[in-house]
C-alpha cells in the first residue's frame, strides 16, 4: 500500500469518526427518514423483497440501502445509529475514493486536497448522518463515472464492464436517477470531445448484463409481487410525479413557481452546497479559463459530471437540494489543483500584492459578519421554510450561551487577523477553513441535530402510546399516519383516512389537534389521553392527540 493510499484511508477514518460521533443522539423526525427506517424494520421482520411501510405503503425507491441498514439492525437491534450506519460508511468511502481518483488524475497531492475539501463540505457530512440512500448513490455513481473516465482514456473493456456493473448497484440504491446522471455525463463529455461514436463501445456484453441484472432485478420482483399497485404508486406516482409534480405527501406537493425560480434553483443551491469551498471553486474555474484548461479531457469530464444534476433536475417540478450531492465530488476534484497552487505560492510572489490580499481578507471577514447579521434581520424572509425552522430552533440555544457566541466571534476575528498578517496567507486561510469546518462537524452539527430533535421529536409520544397499549392491541390514525410515530410504535397502525364511522368504542385513535376537536365535538372520541407537539411531515409541525373511541 502506497503512502497516498494510507493517507486516503486516514482521511476516510477521520471523516467516519466525525460522522459516527453522536450518530444516534437525534431522534428520527420527518417523513423521509422515517419512511426508510420503517422499511428497514419491515426487512428485519422478514420482508426482504417486498416490504411495505406500516403494512400498506410501497417503497418509493429500490432497497439496497435498506438491506445494508438491516444488517446492523438485525444484529444489534433497531436504533437510530444502526439504521444510519450505511450513510456514514458510504460518506467515508466516498472521501477515500476521491483521494484515490484524484491521485490518478493529477497526483497524490491533488487527491489529498480533493478528499479534504469533500470531507469538509457540511452538505455531504449532514447527509452522511441520516438514514437516506443519497450518499450511497453518490458513492456508487462516483465510482461508476470514475471507471467510465478510465475507459474513455484507455479503451479498457474491464473498466467499461466495471462502470456498468457499479451503475447497476447505483440504480438499486435510488432508481433511474443513477443511469440518467451517468448517461448525461458520459454523453456530454463525448460530445465535447467530438467522439460520441465511441459510446457504443462502452456497452460491453458483460457490463450490460450486470447493469440490467443488478439495476432492474428488484423492479421485476416488485412488479411481479405488487402488480398494478407498483406501477401506480412507484413507477408513475413517484417518478412521473417527481417530474410533473403532485405526488406523495402534502409536504412534497410543489406549489406553482415562476420560470426564473426553476432556472435559478439548482445553480444557486449548488453554490451553497459546495461551501466553504465555493470561492476556491470560482477561482479554479477562472484559472482554467485563463490557462486553456478546458481543453483538458479531465477538466471537461469533471465539468460535465458536476453540471449533470443541475441539467437533469431543473425541468422537474419537485426541487430538493440533496439532489445536488453527486455534483460535490467533481467540484472538489476540479478545485484541488488551484488549492495546491495557492498553497505553493511563494512569499516573494505574494509581496507584490500583499496589501491587496490583506485588504481583501479584511473585506471578506467584514462581509461575512454583515451577511450573517443581515440574514438574522431583514434577510430572514429570503430563507426557505426549512432553513427558517432550523434557525428558529437553534437561535434560542445560542441566545442562552452568550459566552459561546463571544468566543466564536473572537475566534473568527483572530482567524482573519492571522490570515491577513501572515506572509503566506493562503496556507493560513485554508487551515482556518478546514479547522472551522471540522469544529462545526464535531461540535456544531450534532448540537443542532439534538436541538431540532428535542423540539420536533414525537418519540416520547409514540413510546407512551406503546406502553399504554402493548402489542397486539390495535392503534389507529385518523387521517394520514405520522411516519415517525409509526416507527417508534414498533408495529403497524391502522389507517382510518378521515372516516369517523370506522372508529369503534375503545379503539385508541391518534389525530391531529384540529381533527380531534371535530371528533370530540361529535362525541366520536372521548377526552384526550395524551398529546404532543412535533414534526408531522418533512417540514410541517403540529400537535397530535390520543383518545379512545366512544361510539358503541
Protein backbone atom coordinates (compact mmCIF):
# COMPACT_ATOMS: atom_id res chain seq x y z
CA UNK A 1 0.00 0.00 0.00
CA UNK A 2 1.40 3.37 -1.04
CA UNK A 3 1.66 6.38 1.25
CA UNK A 4 -1.12 8.06 -0.78
CA UNK A 5 -3.43 5.11 -0.14
CA UNK A 6 -2.63 5.17 3.56
CA UNK A 7 -3.37 8.89 3.73
CA UNK A 8 -6.66 8.35 1.88
CA UNK A 9 -7.66 5.73 4.44
CA UNK A 10 -6.62 8.06 7.25
CA UNK A 11 -8.82 10.86 5.87
CA UNK A 12 -11.71 8.44 5.48
CA UNK A 13 -11.23 7.21 9.04
CA UNK A 14 -11.30 10.78 10.33
CA UNK A 15 -14.50 11.52 8.41
CA UNK A 16 -16.07 8.30 9.69
CA UNK A 17 -15.15 9.11 13.28
CA UNK A 18 -16.82 12.52 12.96
CA UNK A 19 -19.87 11.02 11.25
CA UNK A 20 -20.28 8.36 13.94
CA UNK A 21 -19.94 10.89 16.76
CA UNK A 22 -23.39 11.19 18.31
CA UNK A 23 -24.94 9.43 15.31
CA UNK A 24 -27.84 8.07 17.35
CA UNK A 25 -28.36 11.05 19.64
CA UNK A 26 -31.03 12.71 17.47
CA UNK A 27 -34.41 11.03 17.13
CA UNK A 28 -35.90 10.25 13.74
CA UNK A 29 -38.13 13.14 12.66
CA UNK A 30 -39.68 13.94 9.31
CA UNK A 31 -41.32 11.70 6.75
CA UNK A 32 -38.32 10.86 4.58
CA UNK A 33 -36.02 9.33 7.17
CA UNK A 34 -38.95 7.75 9.00
CA UNK A 35 -40.08 6.02 5.80
CA UNK A 36 -36.64 4.50 5.22
CA UNK A 37 -36.35 3.47 8.88
CA UNK A 38 -39.79 1.86 8.81
CA UNK A 39 -38.89 -0.13 5.70
CA UNK A 40 -35.73 -1.35 7.43
CA UNK A 41 -37.92 -2.54 10.33
CA UNK A 42 -40.06 -4.46 7.84
CA UNK A 43 -36.99 -6.09 6.29
CA UNK A 44 -35.65 -7.10 9.70
CA UNK A 45 -39.08 -8.63 10.37
CA UNK A 46 -38.57 -10.89 7.34
CA UNK A 47 -39.99 -8.97 4.36
CA UNK A 48 -36.72 -8.76 2.46
CA UNK A 49 -38.05 -8.37 -1.09
CA UNK A 50 -41.48 -6.76 -0.78
CA UNK A 51 -41.62 -4.63 2.37
CA UNK A 52 -44.43 -2.13 2.90
CA UNK A 53 -44.15 0.76 5.32
CA UNK A 54 -46.79 0.30 8.03
CA UNK A 55 -48.00 -2.71 6.06
CA UNK A 56 -49.56 -0.60 3.30
CA UNK A 57 -47.18 1.97 1.71
CA UNK A 58 -44.84 0.76 -1.03
CA UNK A 59 -41.17 1.86 -1.09
CA UNK A 60 -40.52 4.88 -3.28
CA UNK A 61 -37.07 3.65 -4.29
CA UNK A 62 -35.19 0.31 -4.57
CA UNK A 63 -33.89 -1.41 -1.47
CA UNK A 64 -30.07 -1.54 -1.49
CA UNK A 65 -29.75 0.98 1.34
CA UNK A 66 -32.44 -0.75 3.36
CA UNK A 67 -30.80 -4.16 3.01
CA UNK A 68 -27.48 -2.73 4.18
CA UNK A 69 -29.13 -0.99 7.16
CA UNK A 70 -30.99 -4.18 8.06
CA UNK A 71 -27.67 -5.93 8.77
CA UNK A 72 -26.68 -3.89 11.87
CA UNK A 73 -30.33 -3.51 12.89
CA UNK A 74 -30.85 -7.26 12.71
CA UNK A 75 -27.63 -7.99 14.58
CA UNK A 76 -27.85 -5.37 17.34
CA UNK A 77 -31.50 -4.32 17.31
CA UNK A 78 -33.14 -1.32 15.70
CA UNK A 79 -31.73 2.05 16.72
CA UNK A 80 -31.17 5.46 15.21
CA UNK A 81 -27.43 4.84 14.96
CA UNK A 82 -27.78 1.39 13.39
CA UNK A 83 -30.21 2.50 10.69
CA UNK A 84 -27.92 5.42 9.76
CA UNK A 85 -24.70 3.42 9.59
CA UNK A 86 -24.69 2.80 5.80
CA UNK A 87 -24.77 6.54 5.13
CA UNK A 88 -21.82 7.17 7.45
CA UNK A 89 -19.73 4.40 5.90
CA UNK A 90 -20.69 5.47 2.37
CA UNK A 91 -19.55 9.03 3.13
CA UNK A 92 -16.21 7.79 4.45
CA UNK A 93 -15.76 5.51 1.43
CA UNK A 94 -16.52 8.45 -0.87
CA UNK A 95 -13.78 10.52 0.78
CA UNK A 96 -11.28 7.66 0.33
CA UNK A 97 -12.32 7.11 -3.28
CA UNK A 98 -11.98 10.82 -4.05
CA UNK A 99 -8.41 10.81 -2.74
CA UNK A 100 -7.59 7.77 -4.85
CA UNK A 101 -9.25 9.03 -8.03
CA UNK A 102 -7.75 12.50 -7.58
CA UNK A 103 -4.30 10.92 -7.31
CA UNK A 104 -5.00 9.06 -10.55
CA UNK A 105 -5.99 12.30 -12.29
CA UNK A 106 -3.29 14.64 -11.03
CA UNK A 107 -1.05 13.02 -8.44
CA UNK A 108 -1.30 12.32 -4.69
CA UNK A 109 -1.36 15.98 -3.54
CA UNK A 110 -4.38 16.63 -5.78
CA UNK A 111 -6.15 13.57 -4.40
CA UNK A 112 -5.50 14.53 -0.79
CA UNK A 113 -6.64 18.12 -1.35
CA UNK A 114 -9.84 16.97 -3.08
CA UNK A 115 -10.60 14.50 -0.29
CA UNK A 116 -10.05 17.14 2.39
CA UNK A 117 -12.35 19.57 0.59
CA UNK A 118 -15.07 16.99 0.02
CA UNK A 119 -14.84 15.72 3.59
CA UNK A 120 -15.24 19.24 4.97
CA UNK A 121 -18.36 20.11 2.98
CA UNK A 122 -21.21 20.27 5.53
CA UNK A 123 -23.71 19.30 2.83
CA UNK A 124 -22.00 15.93 2.45
CA UNK A 125 -21.44 15.50 6.18
CA UNK A 126 -25.02 16.27 7.15
CA UNK A 127 -26.44 13.71 4.72
CA UNK A 128 -23.93 11.12 5.94
CA UNK A 129 -25.76 11.20 9.28
CA UNK A 130 -29.30 10.39 8.13
CA UNK A 131 -30.96 7.14 7.07
CA UNK A 132 -31.31 8.04 3.40
CA UNK A 133 -29.75 6.48 0.26
CA UNK A 134 -28.41 9.74 -1.20
CA UNK A 135 -24.79 9.34 -0.04
CA UNK A 136 -24.77 5.68 -1.09
CA UNK A 137 -25.99 6.75 -4.53
CA UNK A 138 -23.30 9.45 -4.71
CA UNK A 139 -20.59 6.93 -3.83
CA UNK A 140 -21.67 4.31 -6.36
CA UNK A 141 -22.30 6.84 -9.12
CA UNK A 142 -18.86 8.39 -8.50
CA UNK A 143 -17.16 5.00 -8.78
CA UNK A 144 -19.09 4.22 -11.96
CA UNK A 145 -18.17 7.55 -13.54
CA UNK A 146 -14.55 7.19 -12.47
CA UNK A 147 -14.40 3.84 -14.26
CA UNK A 148 -16.15 5.37 -17.28
CA UNK A 149 -13.45 8.06 -17.49
CA UNK A 150 -10.77 5.39 -17.28
CA UNK A 151 -12.48 3.59 -20.17
CA UNK A 152 -12.61 6.82 -22.21
CA UNK A 153 -8.89 7.33 -21.64
CA UNK A 154 -7.59 3.76 -22.02
CA UNK A 155 -10.34 2.00 -24.02
CA UNK A 156 -10.30 -0.66 -21.29
CA UNK A 157 -13.14 -3.23 -21.62
CA UNK A 158 -12.64 -4.13 -17.96
CA UNK A 159 -13.22 -0.51 -16.92
CA UNK A 160 -16.34 -0.34 -19.10
CA UNK A 161 -17.71 -3.54 -17.59
CA UNK A 162 -16.93 -2.34 -14.08
CA UNK A 163 -18.59 1.02 -14.73
CA UNK A 164 -21.82 -0.60 -15.88
CA UNK A 165 -21.81 -3.11 -13.02
CA UNK A 166 -21.43 -0.37 -10.40
CA UNK A 167 -24.06 1.66 -12.26
CA UNK A 168 -26.42 -1.27 -11.71
CA UNK A 169 -25.77 -1.06 -7.97
CA UNK A 170 -26.34 2.71 -8.06
CA UNK A 171 -29.69 2.06 -9.73
CA UNK A 172 -30.51 -0.43 -7.00
CA UNK A 173 -29.76 2.33 -4.48
CA UNK A 174 -32.04 5.05 -5.87
CA UNK A 175 -33.61 4.08 -9.14
CA UNK A 176 -33.37 5.67 -12.60
CA UNK A 177 -31.68 8.85 -11.38
CA UNK A 178 -28.36 6.94 -11.47
CA UNK A 179 -28.44 5.91 -15.16
CA UNK A 180 -29.84 9.34 -16.07
CA UNK A 181 -26.89 11.18 -14.47
CA UNK A 182 -24.40 8.63 -15.80
CA UNK A 183 -25.71 8.86 -19.36
CA UNK A 184 -25.89 12.65 -19.30
CA UNK A 185 -22.31 12.96 -18.02
CA UNK A 186 -20.74 10.48 -20.43
CA UNK A 187 -22.72 11.65 -23.47
CA UNK A 188 -21.97 15.33 -22.81
CA UNK A 189 -18.27 14.58 -22.34
CA UNK A 190 -18.00 12.54 -25.53
CA UNK A 191 -19.87 15.25 -27.46
CA UNK A 192 -17.43 17.85 -26.12
CA UNK A 193 -14.57 15.59 -27.19
CA UNK A 194 -16.25 15.09 -30.60
CA UNK A 195 -16.13 11.33 -30.16
CA UNK A 196 -19.75 10.39 -29.49
CA UNK A 197 -19.37 7.47 -31.91
CA UNK A 198 -17.25 5.75 -29.22
CA UNK A 199 -20.24 5.48 -26.88
CA UNK A 200 -21.39 2.13 -28.21
CA UNK A 201 -18.06 0.56 -27.20
CA UNK A 202 -18.82 1.36 -23.55
CA UNK A 203 -21.62 -1.21 -23.52
CA UNK A 204 -19.75 -4.49 -23.22
CA UNK A 205 -21.97 -7.60 -23.13
CA UNK A 206 -20.91 -8.47 -19.59
CA UNK A 207 -21.42 -4.90 -18.43
CA UNK A 208 -24.90 -4.65 -19.94
CA UNK A 209 -25.86 -7.97 -18.36
CA UNK A 210 -24.65 -6.86 -14.93
CA UNK A 211 -26.22 -3.41 -15.20
CA UNK A 212 -29.61 -4.81 -16.16
CA UNK A 213 -29.47 -7.65 -13.65
CA UNK A 214 -28.40 -5.53 -10.69
CA UNK A 215 -30.36 -2.43 -11.63
CA UNK A 216 -33.63 -3.93 -12.79
CA UNK A 217 -33.80 -7.24 -10.93
CA UNK A 218 -35.66 -5.82 -7.94
CA UNK A 219 -38.05 -3.96 -10.23
CA UNK A 220 -39.02 -7.28 -11.82
CA UNK A 221 -39.64 -8.85 -8.42
CA UNK A 222 -41.66 -5.83 -7.28
CA UNK A 223 -43.75 -5.80 -10.45
CA UNK A 224 -44.49 -9.49 -10.09
CA UNK A 225 -45.35 -9.15 -6.40
CA UNK A 226 -47.27 -5.87 -6.34
CA UNK A 227 -48.56 -5.64 -9.90
CA UNK A 228 -50.68 -2.61 -10.76
CA UNK A 229 -50.14 -1.05 -7.33
CA UNK A 230 -46.39 -0.88 -8.02
CA UNK A 231 -46.96 0.77 -11.39
CA UNK A 232 -49.42 3.27 -9.90
CA UNK A 233 -47.58 4.19 -6.69
CA UNK A 234 -43.91 3.70 -7.58
CA UNK A 235 -43.32 3.99 -11.32
CA UNK A 236 -45.99 6.59 -12.04
CA UNK A 237 -46.67 8.13 -8.65
CA UNK A 238 -43.01 8.54 -7.74
CA UNK A 239 -41.02 9.01 -10.93
CA UNK A 240 -43.57 10.73 -13.14
CA UNK A 241 -44.90 12.63 -10.13
CA UNK A 242 -41.43 13.95 -9.37
CA UNK A 243 -41.21 15.27 -12.89
CA UNK A 244 -44.61 16.93 -13.19
CA UNK A 245 -45.50 17.42 -9.51
CA UNK A 246 -48.32 16.37 -7.25
CA UNK A 247 -47.04 13.08 -5.80
CA UNK A 248 -46.65 11.66 -2.33
CA UNK A 249 -47.16 13.63 0.85
CA UNK A 250 -48.57 17.11 1.18
CA UNK A 251 -45.11 18.30 2.21
CA UNK A 252 -43.82 17.36 -1.23
CA UNK A 253 -46.58 18.80 -3.40
CA UNK A 254 -44.80 21.62 -5.23
CA UNK A 255 -46.54 24.97 -5.44
CA UNK A 256 -46.65 26.74 -8.81
CA UNK A 257 -43.42 28.65 -9.33
CA UNK A 258 -42.24 31.15 -11.95
CA UNK A 259 -39.80 30.02 -14.61
CA UNK A 260 -36.99 32.06 -13.03
CA UNK A 261 -37.31 30.05 -9.82
CA UNK A 262 -36.88 26.74 -11.66
CA UNK A 263 -33.93 28.00 -13.70
CA UNK A 264 -32.11 29.50 -10.72
CA UNK A 265 -32.84 26.92 -8.01
CA UNK A 266 -30.09 24.39 -8.65
CA UNK A 267 -27.32 26.78 -9.77
CA UNK A 268 -27.77 28.92 -6.66
CA UNK A 269 -28.09 25.95 -4.33
CA UNK A 270 -25.01 24.37 -5.88
CA UNK A 271 -23.03 27.40 -4.72
CA UNK A 272 -24.34 26.85 -1.18
CA UNK A 273 -23.81 23.08 -1.26
CA UNK A 274 -20.12 23.47 -2.12
CA UNK A 275 -19.44 25.73 0.84
CA UNK A 276 -16.99 26.55 2.38
CA UNK A 277 -15.01 25.91 -0.81
CA UNK A 278 -17.24 27.80 -3.27
CA UNK A 279 -14.86 30.82 -3.62
CA UNK A 280 -11.98 28.45 -4.34
CA UNK A 281 -14.07 26.67 -6.98
CA UNK A 282 -14.83 30.01 -8.63
CA UNK A 283 -11.11 30.78 -8.64
CA UNK A 284 -10.39 27.34 -10.10
CA UNK A 285 -12.82 27.87 -12.99
CA UNK A 286 -11.34 31.33 -13.67
CA UNK A 287 -7.84 29.85 -13.62
CA UNK A 288 -8.85 27.06 -16.00
CA UNK A 289 -10.34 29.57 -18.41
CA UNK A 290 -7.23 31.79 -18.39
CA UNK A 291 -4.85 28.88 -18.98
CA UNK A 292 -6.89 27.00 -21.56
CA UNK A 293 -7.61 24.25 -19.07
CA UNK A 294 -10.99 23.49 -20.58
CA UNK A 295 -9.16 21.73 -23.41
CA UNK A 296 -8.02 19.11 -20.89
CA UNK A 297 -10.17 15.96 -21.03
CA UNK A 298 -10.01 15.62 -17.25
CA UNK A 299 -11.47 19.09 -16.67
CA UNK A 300 -14.12 18.53 -19.33
CA UNK A 301 -15.25 15.27 -17.76
CA UNK A 302 -15.44 16.77 -14.27
CA UNK A 303 -17.39 19.79 -15.54
CA UNK A 304 -19.90 17.56 -17.33
CA UNK A 305 -20.25 15.48 -14.19
CA UNK A 306 -20.78 18.48 -11.93
CA UNK A 307 -23.35 20.01 -14.29
CA UNK A 308 -25.33 16.81 -14.88
CA UNK A 309 -27.56 17.04 -11.75
CA UNK A 310 -28.31 20.71 -12.46
CA UNK A 311 -29.33 19.93 -16.04
CA UNK A 312 -31.21 16.74 -15.20
CA UNK A 313 -33.29 18.08 -12.32
CA UNK A 314 -34.03 21.64 -13.45
CA UNK A 315 -37.04 20.61 -15.61
CA UNK A 316 -38.61 18.63 -12.73
CA UNK A 317 -41.41 20.21 -10.72
CA UNK A 318 -40.02 18.95 -7.42
CA UNK A 319 -36.89 20.79 -6.27
CA UNK A 320 -34.76 19.26 -3.48
CA UNK A 321 -31.27 20.42 -2.54
CA UNK A 322 -29.89 16.98 -1.80
CA UNK A 323 -30.29 16.09 -5.49
CA UNK A 324 -27.06 18.08 -5.96
CA UNK A 325 -24.92 15.77 -3.82
CA UNK A 326 -23.49 13.92 -6.88
CA UNK A 327 -22.00 17.27 -8.02
CA UNK A 328 -19.79 17.63 -4.96
CA UNK A 329 -17.00 15.08 -5.75
CA UNK A 330 -16.26 16.54 -9.22
CA UNK A 331 -16.29 20.09 -7.82
CA UNK A 332 -13.73 19.06 -5.20
CA UNK A 333 -11.60 17.38 -7.86
CA UNK A 334 -11.82 20.45 -10.12
CA UNK A 335 -10.84 22.79 -7.30
CA UNK A 336 -7.97 20.77 -5.84
CA UNK A 337 -5.24 21.86 -8.33
CA UNK A 338 -5.98 25.53 -7.63
CA UNK A 339 -5.83 25.00 -3.87
CA UNK A 340 -2.49 23.21 -4.25
CA UNK A 341 -1.19 26.06 -6.41
CA UNK A 342 -2.25 28.63 -3.82
CA UNK A 343 -0.59 26.66 -1.02
CA UNK A 344 2.65 26.55 -3.01
CA UNK A 345 2.64 30.28 -3.88
CA UNK A 346 5.97 31.77 -2.81
CA UNK A 347 6.19 34.59 -0.29
CA UNK A 348 8.15 36.72 -2.80
CA UNK A 349 5.31 36.48 -5.28
CA UNK A 350 2.83 37.48 -2.61
CA UNK A 351 4.83 40.54 -1.51
CA UNK A 352 3.90 42.38 -4.69
CA UNK A 353 0.23 42.25 -3.84
CA UNK A 354 0.24 41.63 -0.13
CA UNK A 355 -1.59 44.86 0.64
CA UNK A 356 -4.41 43.97 -1.74
CA UNK A 357 -4.63 40.45 -0.34
CA UNK A 358 -4.82 41.69 3.23
CA UNK A 359 -7.44 44.26 2.32
CA UNK A 360 -9.42 41.53 0.56
CA UNK A 361 -9.16 39.36 3.67
CA UNK A 362 -10.47 42.11 5.90
CA UNK A 363 -13.29 42.85 3.46
CA UNK A 364 -14.16 39.16 3.33
CA UNK A 365 -14.38 38.96 7.10
CA UNK A 366 -16.48 42.11 7.32
CA UNK A 367 -18.75 40.88 4.53
CA UNK A 368 -19.27 37.54 6.27
CA UNK A 369 -20.23 39.24 9.53
CA UNK A 370 -22.51 41.69 7.71
CA UNK A 371 -24.18 38.89 5.76
CA UNK A 372 -24.78 36.96 8.96
CA UNK A 373 -26.35 39.98 10.62
CA UNK A 374 -28.46 40.71 7.57
CA UNK A 375 -29.81 37.16 7.38
CA UNK A 376 -30.73 37.26 11.04
CA UNK A 377 -32.53 40.54 10.38
CA UNK A 378 -34.20 41.54 7.11
CA UNK A 379 -32.72 38.65 5.16
CA UNK A 380 -34.61 36.10 7.27
CA UNK A 381 -37.54 36.20 4.83
CA UNK A 382 -35.33 35.03 1.94
CA UNK A 383 -34.53 31.73 3.65
CA UNK A 384 -36.51 28.61 2.81
CA UNK A 385 -39.14 27.41 5.23
CA UNK A 386 -36.94 24.52 6.40
CA UNK A 387 -33.96 26.85 6.97
CA UNK A 388 -36.10 29.29 8.93
CA UNK A 389 -37.42 26.41 11.02
CA UNK A 390 -33.86 25.30 11.78
CA UNK A 391 -32.78 28.79 12.81
CA UNK A 392 -35.86 29.19 14.98
CA UNK A 393 -34.79 26.09 16.89
CA UNK A 394 -31.09 26.98 17.13
CA UNK A 395 -31.20 30.69 17.98
CA UNK A 396 -32.66 30.17 21.49
CA UNK A 397 -29.81 27.74 22.18
CA UNK A 398 -27.22 30.33 21.14
CA UNK A 399 -29.00 33.15 22.93
CA UNK A 400 -28.69 31.24 26.17
CA UNK A 401 -24.93 30.98 25.74
CA UNK A 402 -23.52 34.48 25.26
CA UNK A 403 -20.08 33.25 26.23
CA UNK A 404 -20.07 30.78 23.35
CA UNK A 405 -21.19 33.48 20.93
CA UNK A 406 -18.49 35.85 22.15
CA UNK A 407 -15.84 33.14 21.87
CA UNK A 408 -16.95 32.32 18.32
CA UNK A 409 -16.84 35.99 17.32
CA UNK A 410 -13.39 36.47 18.86
CA UNK A 411 -12.14 33.28 17.24
CA UNK A 412 -13.40 34.41 13.86
CA UNK A 413 -11.76 37.82 14.23
CA UNK A 414 -8.46 36.27 15.34
CA UNK A 415 -8.56 33.85 12.44
CA UNK A 416 -9.00 36.67 9.95
CA UNK A 417 -6.21 38.63 11.66
CA UNK A 418 -3.84 35.66 11.39
CA UNK A 419 -4.67 35.19 7.73
CA UNK A 420 -4.07 38.80 6.72
CA UNK A 421 -0.91 39.13 8.83
CA UNK A 422 0.95 36.08 7.53
CA UNK A 423 3.44 36.16 4.70
CA UNK A 424 1.76 33.03 3.30
CA UNK A 425 -1.89 33.92 3.86
CA UNK A 426 -3.30 31.17 1.63
CA UNK A 427 -1.98 28.43 3.89
CA UNK A 428 -3.45 30.20 6.91
CA UNK A 429 -6.77 30.73 5.13
CA UNK A 430 -7.08 27.10 4.03
CA UNK A 431 -6.09 25.95 7.51
CA UNK A 432 -8.68 28.26 9.04
CA UNK A 433 -11.41 26.94 6.72
CA UNK A 434 -10.55 23.31 7.46
CA UNK A 435 -10.27 23.84 11.22
CA UNK A 436 -13.50 25.80 11.40
CA UNK A 437 -15.43 23.26 9.36
CA UNK A 438 -14.10 20.30 11.34
CA UNK A 439 -15.06 22.06 14.57
CA UNK A 440 -18.56 22.53 13.19
CA UNK A 441 -18.79 18.88 12.16
CA UNK A 442 -17.66 17.58 15.55
CA UNK A 443 -19.46 20.08 17.81
CA UNK A 444 -21.91 22.28 15.95
CA UNK A 445 -23.75 19.85 13.69
CA UNK A 446 -24.51 17.26 16.42
CA UNK A 447 -25.71 20.06 18.72
CA UNK A 448 -28.08 21.38 16.05
CA UNK A 449 -29.40 17.87 15.38
CA UNK A 450 -30.10 17.32 19.07
CA UNK A 451 -31.80 20.71 19.38
CA UNK A 452 -34.06 20.03 16.41
CA UNK A 453 -34.87 16.56 17.72
CA UNK A 454 -35.81 17.89 21.14
CA UNK A 455 -38.18 20.36 19.51
CA UNK A 456 -39.66 18.13 16.81
CA UNK A 457 -39.42 14.54 18.04
CA UNK A 458 -42.58 12.52 18.66
CA UNK A 459 -40.68 9.56 20.06
CA UNK A 460 -41.81 10.10 23.70
CA UNK A 461 -45.41 10.37 22.49
CA UNK A 462 -45.16 7.14 20.48
CA UNK A 463 -43.42 5.23 23.27
CA UNK A 464 -46.07 6.39 25.75
CA UNK A 465 -48.79 5.05 23.44
CA UNK A 466 -46.96 1.74 23.05
CA UNK A 467 -46.63 1.43 26.83
CA UNK A 468 -50.32 2.21 27.38
CA UNK A 469 -51.46 -0.22 24.66
CA UNK A 470 -48.94 -3.07 24.40
CA UNK A 471 -48.94 -5.22 21.28
CA UNK A 472 -51.07 -6.73 19.85
CA UNK A 473 -53.59 -4.05 20.88
CA UNK A 474 -54.74 -2.10 17.79
CA UNK A 475 -53.83 1.56 17.31
CA UNK A 476 -55.29 3.73 14.57
CA UNK A 477 -54.56 7.05 12.86
CA UNK A 478 -57.44 9.28 11.91
CA UNK A 479 -56.14 10.72 8.67
CA UNK A 480 -52.67 10.28 7.29
CA UNK A 481 -50.28 8.36 9.59
CA UNK A 482 -47.34 10.28 11.02
CA UNK A 483 -44.44 8.10 9.96
CA UNK A 484 -42.09 8.87 12.84
CA UNK A 485 -44.80 7.81 15.30
CA UNK A 486 -45.26 4.53 13.40
CA UNK A 487 -41.50 3.86 13.58
CA UNK A 488 -41.36 4.38 17.35
CA UNK A 489 -44.55 2.42 17.97
CA UNK A 490 -42.62 -0.55 16.62
CA UNK A 491 -45.71 -2.07 14.99
CA UNK A 492 -48.33 -1.36 12.35
CA UNK A 493 -51.09 1.16 12.99
CA UNK A 494 -54.41 1.15 11.18
CA UNK A 495 -55.17 3.99 8.79
CA UNK A 496 -58.75 5.24 9.05
CA UNK A 497 -58.34 8.03 6.49
CA UNK A 498 -60.94 10.56 7.65
CA UNK A 499 -63.86 8.21 8.27
CA UNK A 500 -65.46 8.80 11.68
CA UNK A 501 -67.63 5.74 11.13
CA UNK A 502 -64.55 3.50 11.25
CA UNK A 503 -63.86 4.45 14.89
CA UNK A 504 -65.16 1.84 17.31
CA UNK A 505 -65.65 2.01 21.06
CA UNK A 506 -62.37 1.70 22.96
CA UNK A 507 -60.19 1.99 19.84
CA UNK A 508 -57.08 4.15 20.53
CA UNK A 509 -57.08 6.88 17.89
CA UNK A 510 -54.27 9.35 17.09
CA UNK A 511 -55.44 12.52 15.34
CA UNK A 512 -54.17 16.00 14.68
CA UNK A 513 -55.48 18.58 17.11
CA UNK A 514 -57.97 20.15 14.72
CA UNK A 515 -59.38 16.79 13.65
CA UNK A 516 -59.60 15.67 17.27
CA UNK A 517 -61.63 18.77 18.07
CA UNK A 518 -64.20 17.85 15.42
CA UNK A 519 -64.38 14.22 16.56
CA UNK A 520 -64.75 15.21 20.21
CA UNK A 521 -67.47 17.73 19.36
CA UNK A 522 -69.39 14.95 17.59
CA UNK A 523 -68.82 12.63 20.60
CA UNK A 524 -66.95 10.11 18.44
CA UNK A 525 -63.93 10.09 20.80
CA UNK A 526 -63.52 10.85 24.47
CA UNK A 527 -61.24 13.12 26.44
CA UNK A 528 -57.60 13.41 25.37
CA UNK A 529 -55.34 10.82 26.99
CA UNK A 530 -52.00 12.04 25.60
CA UNK A 531 -50.87 14.91 23.40
CA UNK A 532 -47.59 16.15 21.97
CA UNK A 533 -46.30 18.74 19.54
CA UNK A 534 -43.73 17.86 16.90
CA UNK A 535 -42.99 17.46 13.22
CA UNK A 536 -45.85 15.82 11.35
CA UNK A 537 -44.23 15.70 7.92
CA UNK A 538 -40.95 16.74 6.37
CA UNK A 539 -41.41 20.36 7.45
CA UNK A 540 -44.90 20.82 8.88
CA UNK A 541 -45.28 20.91 12.64
CA UNK A 542 -48.42 20.43 14.72
CA UNK A 543 -49.99 18.74 17.73
CA UNK A 544 -51.20 15.15 17.95
CA UNK A 545 -53.82 13.91 20.39
CA UNK A 546 -54.54 10.35 21.56
CA UNK A 547 -58.09 9.48 22.56
CA UNK A 548 -60.33 6.42 22.63
CA UNK A 549 -63.42 5.90 20.56
CA UNK A 550 -66.70 6.27 22.43
CA UNK A 551 -69.24 5.29 19.79
CA UNK A 552 -70.98 1.97 20.50
